[in-house]
Amino acid sequence: MNKPPETMGERLQKVLANAGVCSRREAERLIEAGEVEVNGVRAKLGDRVSPGDRIAIAGRKVGAWRLKPQQRQIILYNKPEGELVTRSDPEGRPTVFSRLPKLASGRWIAVGRLDFNTSGLIIFTTDGELANRLMHPSRQIEREYAVRVHGEVTQEKLQALVNGVQLEDGPARFEEIVESGGEGSNRWFHVVIMEGRNREVRRLWEAVELRVNRLKRVRFGPIILDSSVSVGRHRDLTPDEVRSLLDAVGIPAERGRGRSRPRGRSGTAPARRPHGRGGPKARR
């Protein structure tokens, strides 16, 4: 007799994605390639699993604690310069994970990275499927940065950056550039990109012979870093922020959770953001 629907468990690829093991598409590829086993038996697409099942990928067991159903949590963290987005560092340098709240179960997943010398907004969640959707290039999620550049900034260089330049890993461009203050050879801009390639903002400016000496992420999709959280601190997303983030990647909002915390103050670069549509700007 077939199991009733409520006892059949969840599809294997969904469980792996929610656990943050990989994206759902990558899980499907691994299953089709025969690299996933459930209770010692090679899995196939369409298989469902329950909490007590043992899952292994390429012979390595996936920890049961990662496979337990988790209540989604999402927080915003204001990363300072001088922290790594990694769980541990052989050189003993500080990492962002050491400042995050402890979880009773599950783990925090960083939605994208910021390099050691870049500060600003990072979203963390316990929902692997949400993290994978937010980071996948097909979703075209905007990332906005406040950047201070050194050198002679000309209109021709700004136009080249929105038209597109060739980097070592392929063409890249800014969706929008808005001037936002500064004097002399150091000027602030707000820029928007749609990808999360390694050091992409810095490399774009370097391609037109300008050097970035300050870089801060101030927005990821609909989530904006403002005075609600100071440097090195975090807060839960508000219910409205959770809904807007889930809407951006097509996840039903009823699964979300968010609550407000007391709001503090934090310093930000002088700016008028592109989403505000103000100030001199270069567009494609």
C-alpha atoms as a PDB file:
ATOM      1  CA  MET A   1       0.000   0.000   0.000  1.00  0.00           C
ATOM      2  CA  ASN A   2       1.257   3.447  -0.843  1.00  0.00           C
ATOM      3  CA  LYS A   3       2.073   5.825   1.976  1.00  0.00           C
ATOM      4  CA  PRO A   4      -0.438   8.633   2.487  1.00  0.00           C
ATOM      5  CA  PRO A   5       0.881  11.933   1.066  1.00  0.00           C
ATOM      6  CA  GLU A   6       1.612  13.458   4.464  1.00  0.00           C
ATOM      7  CA  THR A   7       4.026  10.606   5.368  1.00  0.00           C
ATOM      8  CA  MET A   8       5.922  10.466   2.093  1.00  0.00           C
ATOM      9  CA  GLY A   9       8.534  13.031   3.073  1.00  0.00           C
ATOM     10  CA  GLU A  10      10.046  15.683   0.812  1.00  0.00           C
ATOM     11  CA  ARG A  11      11.758  15.368  -2.531  1.00  0.00           C
ATOM     12  CA  LEU A  12      15.440  14.567  -2.137  1.00  0.00           C
ATOM     13  CA  GLN A  13      16.700  17.532  -4.175  1.00  0.00           C
ATOM     14  CA  LYS A  14      14.605  19.941  -2.098  1.00  0.00           C
ATOM     15  CA  VAL A  15      15.950  18.525   1.171  1.00  0.00           C
ATOM     16  CA  LEU A  16      19.559  18.887  -0.042  1.00  0.00           C
ATOM     17  CA  ALA A  17      18.929  22.467  -1.172  1.00  0.00           C
ATOM     18  CA  ASN A  18      17.227  23.442   2.095  1.00  0.00           C
ATOM     19  CA  ALA A  19      20.180  21.986   3.997  1.00  0.00           C
ATOM     20  CA  GLY A  20      22.518  24.274   2.074  1.00  0.00           C
ATOM     21  CA  VAL A  21      24.400  21.335   0.545  1.00  0.00           C
ATOM     22  CA  CYS A  22      23.905  22.649  -3.009  1.00  0.00           C
ATOM     23  CA  SER A  23      21.270  24.245  -5.206  1.00  0.00           C
ATOM     24  CA  ARG A  24      18.216  22.238  -6.218  1.00  0.00           C
ATOM     25  CA  ARG A  25      19.440  22.127  -9.814  1.00  0.00           C
ATOM     26  CA  GLU A  26      22.860  20.887  -8.720  1.00  0.00           C
ATOM     27  CA  ALA A  27      21.203  18.263  -6.499  1.00  0.00           C
ATOM     28  CA  GLU A  28      19.217  17.033  -9.494  1.00  0.00           C
ATOM     29  CA  ARG A  29      22.426  16.794 -11.523  1.00  0.00           C
ATOM     30  CA  LEU A  30      24.145  14.795  -8.763  1.00  0.00           C
ATOM     31  CA  ILE A  31      21.169  12.431  -8.480  1.00  0.00           C
ATOM     32  CA  GLU A  32      21.075  11.861 -12.246  1.00  0.00           C
ATOM     33  CA  ALA A  33      24.829  11.210 -12.212  1.00  0.00           C
ATOM     34  CA  GLY A  34      24.337   8.465  -9.611  1.00  0.00           C
ATOM     35  CA  GLU A  35      26.377  10.233  -6.936  1.00  0.00           C
ATOM     36  CA  VAL A  36      23.628  10.331  -4.272  1.00  0.00           C
ATOM     37  CA  GLU A  37      22.622   7.377  -2.102  1.00  0.00           C
ATOM     38  CA  VAL A  38      19.738   7.077   0.346  1.00  0.00           C
ATOM     39  CA  ASN A  39      20.064   4.333   2.967  1.00  0.00           C
ATOM     40  CA  GLY A  40      22.821   2.751   0.895  1.00  0.00           C
ATOM     41  CA  VAL A  41      20.789   2.639  -2.325  1.00  0.00           C
ATOM     42  CA  ARG A  42      21.505   4.818  -5.357  1.00  0.00           C
ATOM     43  CA  ALA A  43      18.871   7.542  -5.520  1.00  0.00           C
ATOM     44  CA  LYS A  44      16.838   8.559  -8.548  1.00  0.00           C
ATOM     45  CA  LEU A  45      14.962  11.729  -9.423  1.00  0.00           C
ATOM     46  CA  GLY A  46      11.579  11.798  -7.731  1.00  0.00           C
ATOM     47  CA  ASP A  47      12.733   9.993  -4.593  1.00  0.00           C
ATOM     48  CA  ARG A  48      11.400  11.340  -1.320  1.00  0.00           C
ATOM     49  CA  VAL A  49      13.167  11.187   2.009  1.00  0.00           C
ATOM     50  CA  SER A  50      12.145  11.384   5.646  1.00  0.00           C
ATOM     51  CA  PRO A  51      14.138  12.725   8.629  1.00  0.00           C
ATOM     52  CA  GLY A  52      15.408   9.257   9.559  1.00  0.00           C
ATOM     53  CA  ASP A  53      16.895   8.476   6.139  1.00  0.00           C
ATOM     54  CA  ARG A  54      20.681   8.388   5.655  1.00  0.00           C
ATOM     55  CA  ILE A  55      21.937  10.395   2.680  1.00  0.00           C
ATOM     56  CA  ALA A  56      25.418  10.307   1.176  1.00  0.00           C
ATOM     57  CA  ILE A  57      26.923  12.237  -1.739  1.00  0.00           C
ATOM     58  CA  ALA A  58      29.920  10.696  -3.535  1.00  0.00           C
ATOM     59  CA  GLY A  59      30.322   8.327  -0.579  1.00  0.00           C
ATOM     60  CA  ARG A  60      30.343  11.084   2.055  1.00  0.00           C
ATOM     61  CA  LYS A  61      27.516  11.121   4.558  1.00  0.00           C
ATOM     62  CA  VAL A  62      25.458  14.290   4.879  1.00  0.00           C
ATOM     63  CA  GLY A  63      25.123  15.071   8.582  1.00  0.00           C
ATOM     64  CA  ALA A  64      21.668  14.341   9.975  1.00  0.00           C
ATOM     65  CA  TRP A  65      21.643  17.709  11.774  1.00  0.00           C
ATOM     66  CA  ARG A  66      21.796  19.450   8.400  1.00  0.00           C
ATOM     67  CA  LEU A  67      18.803  17.521   7.090  1.00  0.00           C
ATOM     68  CA  LYS A  68      16.395  18.311   9.904  1.00  0.00           C
ATOM     69  CA  PRO A  69      13.566  20.677   8.918  1.00  0.00           C
ATOM     70  CA  GLN A  70      14.536  24.176  10.025  1.00  0.00           C
ATOM     71  CA  GLN A  71      12.468  27.209  10.815  1.00  0.00           C
ATOM     72  CA  ARG A  72      13.778  29.804   8.411  1.00  0.00           C
ATOM     73  CA  GLN A  73      15.813  32.571   9.998  1.00  0.00           C
ATOM     74  CA  ILE A  74      17.238  35.562   8.127  1.00  0.00           C
ATOM     75  CA  ILE A  75      19.509  38.228   9.542  1.00  0.00           C
ATOM     76  CA  LEU A  76      21.346  41.267   8.216  1.00  0.00           C
ATOM     77  CA  TYR A  77      24.979  41.732   9.279  1.00  0.00           C
ATOM     78  CA  ASN A  78      27.047  44.905   8.872  1.00  0.00           C
ATOM     79  CA  LYS A  79      30.519  43.526   8.170  1.00  0.00           C
ATOM     80  CA  PRO A  80      33.531  45.642   9.134  1.00  0.00           C
ATOM     81  CA  GLU A  81      36.731  45.677   7.109  1.00  0.00           C
ATOM     82  CA  GLY A  82      39.212  43.095   8.354  1.00  0.00           C
ATOM     83  CA  GLU A  83      36.874  40.096   8.665  1.00  0.00           C
ATOM     84  CA  LEU A  84      36.769  37.018   6.456  1.00  0.00           C
ATOM     85  CA  VAL A  85      33.561  35.428   5.202  1.00  0.00           C
ATOM     86  CA  THR A  86      34.630  31.917   6.173  1.00  0.00           C
ATOM     87  CA  ARG A  87      33.965  29.609   9.118  1.00  0.00           C
ATOM     88  CA  SER A  88      37.626  29.381  10.145  1.00  0.00           C
ATOM     89  CA  ASP A  89      40.977  30.764   9.059  1.00  0.00           C
ATOM     90  CA  PRO A  90      44.329  28.936   9.355  1.00  0.00           C
ATOM     91  CA  GLU A  91      46.012  32.277  10.127  1.00  0.00           C
ATOM     92  CA  GLY A  92      43.622  32.999  12.977  1.00  0.00           C
ATOM     93  CA  ARG A  93      42.107  36.121  11.407  1.00  0.00           C
ATOM     94  CA  PRO A  94      38.598  37.142  12.576  1.00  0.00           C
ATOM     95  CA  THR A  95      35.619  35.754  10.679  1.00  0.00           C
ATOM     96  CA  VAL A  96      32.049  36.975  10.342  1.00  0.00           C
ATOM     97  CA  PHE A  97      30.622  33.757  11.783  1.00  0.00           C
ATOM     98  CA  SER A  98      32.159  34.396  15.197  1.00  0.00           C
ATOM     99  CA  ARG A  99      29.829  37.399  15.644  1.00  0.00           C
ATOM    100  CA  LEU A 100      26.569  35.728  14.609  1.00  0.00           C
ATOM    101  CA  PRO A 101      23.948  34.462  17.097  1.00  0.00           C
ATOM    102  CA  LYS A 102      24.247  30.809  18.087  1.00  0.00           C
ATOM    103  CA  LEU A 103      21.713  28.386  16.614  1.00  0.00           C
ATOM    104  CA  ALA A 104      20.131  25.477  18.467  1.00  0.00           C
ATOM    105  CA  SER A 105      20.306  23.492  15.225  1.00  0.00           C
ATOM    106  CA  GLY A 106      21.233  24.073  11.600  1.00  0.00           C
ATOM    107  CA  ARG A 107      23.821  26.593  10.449  1.00  0.00           C
ATOM    108  CA  TRP A 108      24.119  30.081   9.053  1.00  0.00           C
ATOM    109  CA  ILE A 109      24.657  30.353   5.308  1.00  0.00           C
ATOM    110  CA  ALA A 110      26.195  33.540   3.893  1.00  0.00           C
ATOM    111  CA  VAL A 111      24.387  34.953   0.865  1.00  0.00           C
ATOM    112  CA  GLY A 112      27.447  35.888  -1.156  1.00  0.00           C
ATOM    113  CA  ARG A 113      30.825  37.020   0.094  1.00  0.00           C
ATOM    114  CA  LEU A 114      32.674  40.242   0.745  1.00  0.00           C
ATOM    115  CA  ASP A 115      36.457  40.286   0.627  1.00  0.00           C
ATOM    116  CA  PHE A 116      38.685  41.067   3.605  1.00  0.00           C
ATOM    117  CA  ASN A 117      38.882  44.800   2.868  1.00  0.00           C
ATOM    118  CA  THR A 118      35.222  45.294   1.924  1.00  0.00           C
ATOM    119  CA  SER A 119      32.585  46.232   4.492  1.00  0.00           C
ATOM    120  CA  GLY A 120      28.818  46.370   4.586  1.00  0.00           C
ATOM    121  CA  LEU A 121      25.725  44.279   4.123  1.00  0.00           C
ATOM    122  CA  ILE A 122      25.722  40.492   4.214  1.00  0.00           C
ATOM    123  CA  ILE A 123      22.507  38.493   4.512  1.00  0.00           C
ATOM    124  CA  PHE A 124      22.683  35.244   6.480  1.00  0.00           C
ATOM    125  CA  THR A 125      19.959  32.599   6.516  1.00  0.00           C
ATOM    126  CA  THR A 126      19.376  29.044   7.715  1.00  0.00           C
ATOM    127  CA  ASP A 127      17.426  28.318   4.511  1.00  0.00           C
ATOM    128  CA  GLY A 128      19.734  26.801   1.903  1.00  0.00           C
ATOM    129  CA  GLU A 129      17.170  27.004  -0.889  1.00  0.00           C
ATOM    130  CA  LEU A 130      16.681  30.733  -0.274  1.00  0.00           C
ATOM    131  CA  ALA A 131      20.456  31.324  -0.203  1.00  0.00           C
ATOM    132  CA  ASN A 132      20.971  29.418  -3.443  1.00  0.00           C
ATOM    133  CA  ARG A 133      18.192  31.310  -5.224  1.00  0.00           C
ATOM    134  CA  LEU A 134      19.507  34.685  -4.073  1.00  0.00           C
ATOM    135  CA  MET A 135      23.018  33.882  -5.331  1.00  0.00           C
ATOM    136  CA  HIS A 136      22.078  32.228  -8.627  1.00  0.00           C
ATOM    137  CA  PRO A 137      22.939  34.449 -11.636  1.00  0.00           C
ATOM    138  CA  SER A 138      19.602  33.695 -13.320  1.00  0.00           C
ATOM    139  CA  ARG A 139      17.753  35.626 -10.599  1.00  0.00           C
ATOM    140  CA  GLN A 140      19.467  38.890 -11.552  1.00  0.00           C
ATOM    141  CA  ILE A 141      19.496  40.229  -7.986  1.00  0.00           C
ATOM    142  CA  GLU A 142      20.949  43.735  -7.750  1.00  0.00           C
ATOM    143  CA  ARG A 143      23.931  44.417  -5.491  1.00  0.00           C
ATOM    144  CA  GLU A 144      24.624  48.044  -4.681  1.00  0.00           C
ATOM    145  CA  TYR A 145      27.936  49.398  -3.379  1.00  0.00           C
ATOM    146  CA  ALA A 146      29.228  52.714  -2.090  1.00  0.00           C
ATOM    147  CA  VAL A 147      32.730  53.046  -3.522  1.00  0.00           C
ATOM    148  CA  ARG A 148      35.457  55.663  -3.160  1.00  0.00           C
ATOM    149  CA  VAL A 149      37.848  55.721  -6.093  1.00  0.00           C
ATOM    150  CA  HIS A 150      41.181  57.425  -6.533  1.00  0.00           C
ATOM    151  CA  GLY A 151      42.237  58.916  -9.843  1.00  0.00           C
ATOM    152  CA  GLU A 152      40.917  61.035 -12.660  1.00  0.00           C
ATOM    153  CA  VAL A 153      37.302  60.041 -13.274  1.00  0.00           C
ATOM    154  CA  THR A 154      36.104  61.136 -16.700  1.00  0.00           C
ATOM    155  CA  GLN A 155      32.700  60.802 -18.328  1.00  0.00           C
ATOM    156  CA  GLU A 156      34.297  58.530 -20.922  1.00  0.00           C
ATOM    157  CA  LYS A 157      35.478  56.133 -18.214  1.00  0.00           C
ATOM    158  CA  LEU A 158      32.073  56.104 -16.528  1.00  0.00           C
ATOM    159  CA  GLN A 159      30.378  55.416 -19.851  1.00  0.00           C
ATOM    160  CA  ALA A 160      32.791  52.555 -20.543  1.00  0.00           C
ATOM    161  CA  LEU A 161      31.904  50.998 -17.186  1.00  0.00           C
ATOM    162  CA  VAL A 162      28.168  50.954 -17.931  1.00  0.00           C
ATOM    163  CA  ASN A 163      28.672  49.884 -21.548  1.00  0.00           C
ATOM    164  CA  GLY A 164      30.893  47.016 -20.445  1.00  0.00           C
ATOM    165  CA  VAL A 165      34.608  46.177 -20.223  1.00  0.00           C
ATOM    166  CA  GLN A 166      36.492  42.918 -20.664  1.00  0.00           C
ATOM    167  CA  LEU A 167      37.817  41.257 -17.495  1.00  0.00           C
ATOM    168  CA  GLU A 168      39.951  38.122 -17.325  1.00  0.00           C
ATOM    169  CA  ASP A 169      36.839  36.020 -16.585  1.00  0.00           C
ATOM    170  CA  GLY A 170      34.613  37.624 -19.210  1.00  0.00           C
ATOM    171  CA  PRO A 171      32.769  40.868 -19.929  1.00  0.00           C
ATOM    172  CA  ALA A 172      31.293  42.851 -17.032  1.00  0.00           C
ATOM    173  CA  ARG A 173      29.618  46.189 -16.428  1.00  0.00           C
ATOM    174  CA  PHE A 174      27.786  48.329 -13.914  1.00  0.00           C
ATOM    175  CA  GLU A 175      24.048  48.620 -14.353  1.00  0.00           C
ATOM    176  CA  GLU A 176      24.186  52.154 -13.008  1.00  0.00           C
ATOM    177  CA  ILE A 177      26.681  54.624 -11.549  1.00  0.00           C
ATOM    178  CA  VAL A 178      25.658  57.610  -9.410  1.00  0.00           C
ATOM    179  CA  GLU A 179      28.146  60.215  -8.200  1.00  0.00           C
ATOM    180  CA  SER A 180      27.723  60.799  -4.472  1.00  0.00           C
ATOM    181  CA  GLY A 181      30.340  63.200  -3.146  1.00  0.00           C
ATOM    182  CA  GLY A 182      34.033  63.685  -2.531  1.00  0.00           C
ATOM    183  CA  GLU A 183      36.698  66.105  -3.697  1.00  0.00           C
ATOM    184  CA  GLY A 184      39.867  66.139  -5.733  1.00  0.00           C
ATOM    185  CA  SER A 185      41.208  62.732  -6.693  1.00  0.00           C
ATOM    186  CA  ASN A 186      39.017  60.838  -4.187  1.00  0.00           C
ATOM    187  CA  ARG A 187      35.358  60.645  -5.184  1.00  0.00           C
ATOM    188  CA  TRP A 188      32.411  58.586  -3.995  1.00  0.00           C
ATOM    189  CA  PHE A 189      30.025  56.737  -6.285  1.00  0.00           C
ATOM    190  CA  HIS A 190      27.169  54.300  -5.838  1.00  0.00           C
ATOM    191  CA  VAL A 191      27.238  51.436  -8.324  1.00  0.00           C
ATOM    192  CA  VAL A 192      24.906  48.537  -9.086  1.00  0.00           C
ATOM    193  CA  ILE A 193      25.924  45.119 -10.410  1.00  0.00           C
ATOM    194  CA  MET A 194      23.837  42.024 -11.098  1.00  0.00           C
ATOM    195  CA  GLU A 195      26.496  39.392 -10.391  1.00  0.00           C
ATOM    196  CA  GLY A 196      28.654  38.301  -7.497  1.00  0.00           C
ATOM    197  CA  ARG A 197      31.958  37.517  -9.155  1.00  0.00           C
ATOM    198  CA  ASN A 198      35.135  37.678  -7.085  1.00  0.00           C
ATOM    199  CA  ARG A 199      36.294  41.301  -6.549  1.00  0.00           C
ATOM    200  CA  GLU A 200      34.161  42.363  -9.499  1.00  0.00           C
ATOM    201  CA  VAL A 201      33.579  45.962  -8.389  1.00  0.00           C
ATOM    202  CA  ARG A 202      37.273  46.566  -7.748  1.00  0.00           C
ATOM    203  CA  ARG A 203      38.321  44.925 -11.012  1.00  0.00           C
ATOM    204  CA  LEU A 204      35.865  46.980 -13.043  1.00  0.00           C
ATOM    205  CA  TRP A 205      37.321  50.249 -11.767  1.00  0.00           C
ATOM    206  CA  GLU A 206      40.854  48.925 -12.248  1.00  0.00           C
ATOM    207  CA  ALA A 207      39.981  48.179 -15.891  1.00  0.00           C
ATOM    208  CA  VAL A 208      39.666  51.944 -16.497  1.00  0.00           C
ATOM    209  CA  GLU A 209      42.824  52.745 -14.488  1.00  0.00           C
ATOM    210  CA  LEU A 210      41.133  53.849 -11.280  1.00  0.00           C
ATOM    211  CA  ARG A 211      41.827  52.452  -7.818  1.00  0.00           C
ATOM    212  CA  VAL A 212      39.210  51.618  -5.189  1.00  0.00           C
ATOM    213  CA  ASN A 213      40.267  52.686  -1.692  1.00  0.00           C
ATOM    214  CA  ARG A 214      36.932  52.195   0.121  1.00  0.00           C
ATOM    215  CA  LEU A 215      34.166  49.746  -0.714  1.00  0.00           C
ATOM    216  CA  LYS A 216      30.943  49.042   1.153  1.00  0.00           C
ATOM    217  CA  ARG A 217      27.905  47.025   0.103  1.00  0.00           C
ATOM    218  CA  VAL A 218      24.770  48.972   0.982  1.00  0.00           C
ATOM    219  CA  ARG A 219      22.005  46.948  -0.683  1.00  0.00           C
ATOM    220  CA  PHE A 220      21.295  43.371  -1.729  1.00  0.00           C
ATOM    221  CA  GLY A 221      18.080  43.119  -3.752  1.00  0.00           C
ATOM    222  CA  PRO A 222      15.334  44.827  -1.732  1.00  0.00           C
ATOM    223  CA  ILE A 223      17.328  44.807   1.539  1.00  0.00           C
ATOM    224  CA  ILE A 224      19.050  48.111   2.378  1.00  0.00           C
ATOM    225  CA  LEU A 225      21.774  48.736   4.941  1.00  0.00           C
ATOM    226  CA  ASP A 226      20.911  51.886   6.875  1.00  0.00           C
ATOM    227  CA  SER A 227      21.196  53.149  10.446  1.00  0.00           C
ATOM    228  CA  SER A 228      19.272  50.160  11.825  1.00  0.00           C
ATOM    229  CA  VAL A 229      22.462  48.203  12.506  1.00  0.00           C
ATOM    230  CA  SER A 230      25.927  49.429  13.481  1.00  0.00           C
ATOM    231  CA  VAL A 231      29.225  48.065  12.182  1.00  0.00           C
ATOM    232  CA  GLY A 232      29.938  44.568  13.491  1.00  0.00           C
ATOM    233  CA  ARG A 233      26.323  44.042  14.605  1.00  0.00           C
ATOM    234  CA  HIS A 234      23.343  42.169  13.198  1.00  0.00           C
ATOM    235  CA  ARG A 235      19.570  42.179  13.380  1.00  0.00           C
ATOM    236  CA  ASP A 236      16.683  40.013  12.186  1.00  0.00           C
ATOM    237  CA  LEU A 237      14.924  41.159   9.059  1.00  0.00           C
ATOM    238  CA  THR A 238      11.529  42.737   9.632  1.00  0.00           C
ATOM    239  CA  PRO A 239       8.429  40.860   8.371  1.00  0.00           C
ATOM    240  CA  ASP A 240       8.146  43.282   5.443  1.00  0.00           C
ATOM    241  CA  GLU A 241      11.815  42.743   4.535  1.00  0.00           C
ATOM    242  CA  VAL A 242      11.362  38.973   4.694  1.00  0.00           C
ATOM    243  CA  ARG A 243       8.357  39.130   2.379  1.00  0.00           C
ATOM    244  CA  SER A 244      10.155  41.344  -0.125  1.00  0.00           C
ATOM    245  CA  LEU A 245      13.196  39.042  -0.147  1.00  0.00           C
ATOM    246  CA  LEU A 246      11.079  35.929  -0.666  1.00  0.00           C
ATOM    247  CA  ASP A 247       9.095  37.660  -3.416  1.00  0.00           C
ATOM    248  CA  ALA A 248      12.360  38.491  -5.199  1.00  0.00           C
ATOM    249  CA  VAL A 249      13.138  34.782  -5.650  1.00  0.00           C
ATOM    250  CA  GLY A 250       9.624  33.353  -5.922  1.00  0.00           C
ATOM    251  CA  ILE A 251       9.327  31.617  -2.541  1.00  0.00           C
ATOM    252  CA  PRO A 252       5.880  31.665  -0.869  1.00  0.00           C
ATOM    253  CA  ALA A 253       5.897  34.231   1.932  1.00  0.00           C
ATOM    254  CA  GLU A 254       4.023  32.046   4.431  1.00  0.00           C
ATOM    255  CA  ARG A 255       7.239  30.136   5.092  1.00  0.00           C
ATOM    256  CA  GLY A 256       9.039  33.298   6.177  1.00  0.00           C
ATOM    257  CA  ARG A 257       9.778  34.704   9.585  1.00  0.00           C
ATOM    258  CA  GLY A 258      11.180  38.022  10.691  1.00  0.00           C
ATOM    259  CA  ARG A 259      11.039  40.374  13.617  1.00  0.00           C
ATOM    260  CA  SER A 260      12.388  43.795  14.397  1.00  0.00           C
ATOM    261  CA  ARG A 261      15.028  44.580  16.998  1.00  0.00           C
ATOM    262  CA  PRO A 262      15.828  47.929  18.595  1.00  0.00           C
ATOM    263  CA  ARG A 263      17.522  50.139  16.043  1.00  0.00           C
ATOM    264  CA  GLY A 264      20.900  51.728  16.638  1.00  0.00           C
ATOM    265  CA  ARG A 265      23.058  53.992  14.507  1.00  0.00           C
ATOM    266  CA  SER A 266      25.864  53.296  12.085  1.00  0.00           C
ATOM    267  CA  GLY A 267      27.984  55.484   9.848  1.00  0.00           C
ATOM    268  CA  THR A 268      27.623  55.228   6.076  1.00  0.00           C
ATOM    269  CA  ALA A 269      29.458  56.773   3.191  1.00  0.00           C
ATOM    270  CA  PRO A 270      28.084  60.039   1.810  1.00  0.00           C
ATOM    271  CA  ALA A 271      25.680  58.981  -0.881  1.00  0.00           C
ATOM    272  CA  ARG A 272      22.541  59.295  -2.872  1.00  0.00           C
ATOM    273  CA  ARG A 273      21.668  55.788  -3.886  1.00  0.00           C
ATOM    274  CA  PRO A 274      20.735  54.697  -7.397  1.00  0.00           C
ATOM    275  CA  HIS A 275      17.407  53.367  -6.178  1.00  0.00           C
ATOM    276  CA  GLY A 276      16.669  56.926  -5.104  1.00  0.00           C
ATOM    277  CA  ARG A 277      17.184  58.124  -8.696  1.00  0.00           C
ATOM    278  CA  GLY A 278      19.076  61.262  -7.745  1.00  0.00           C
ATOM    279  CA  GLY A 279      22.324  62.963  -8.669  1.00  0.00           C
ATOM    280  CA  PRO A 280      24.552  62.804 -11.757  1.00  0.00           C
ATOM    281  CA  LYS A 281      24.581  59.335 -13.229  1.00  0.00           C
ATOM    282  CA  ALA A 282      25.876  57.243 -16.056  1.00  0.00           C
ATOM    283  CA  ARG A 283      23.657  54.581 -17.561  1.00  0.00           C
ATOM    284  CA  ARG A 284      23.920  52.199 -20.394  1.00  0.00           C
END
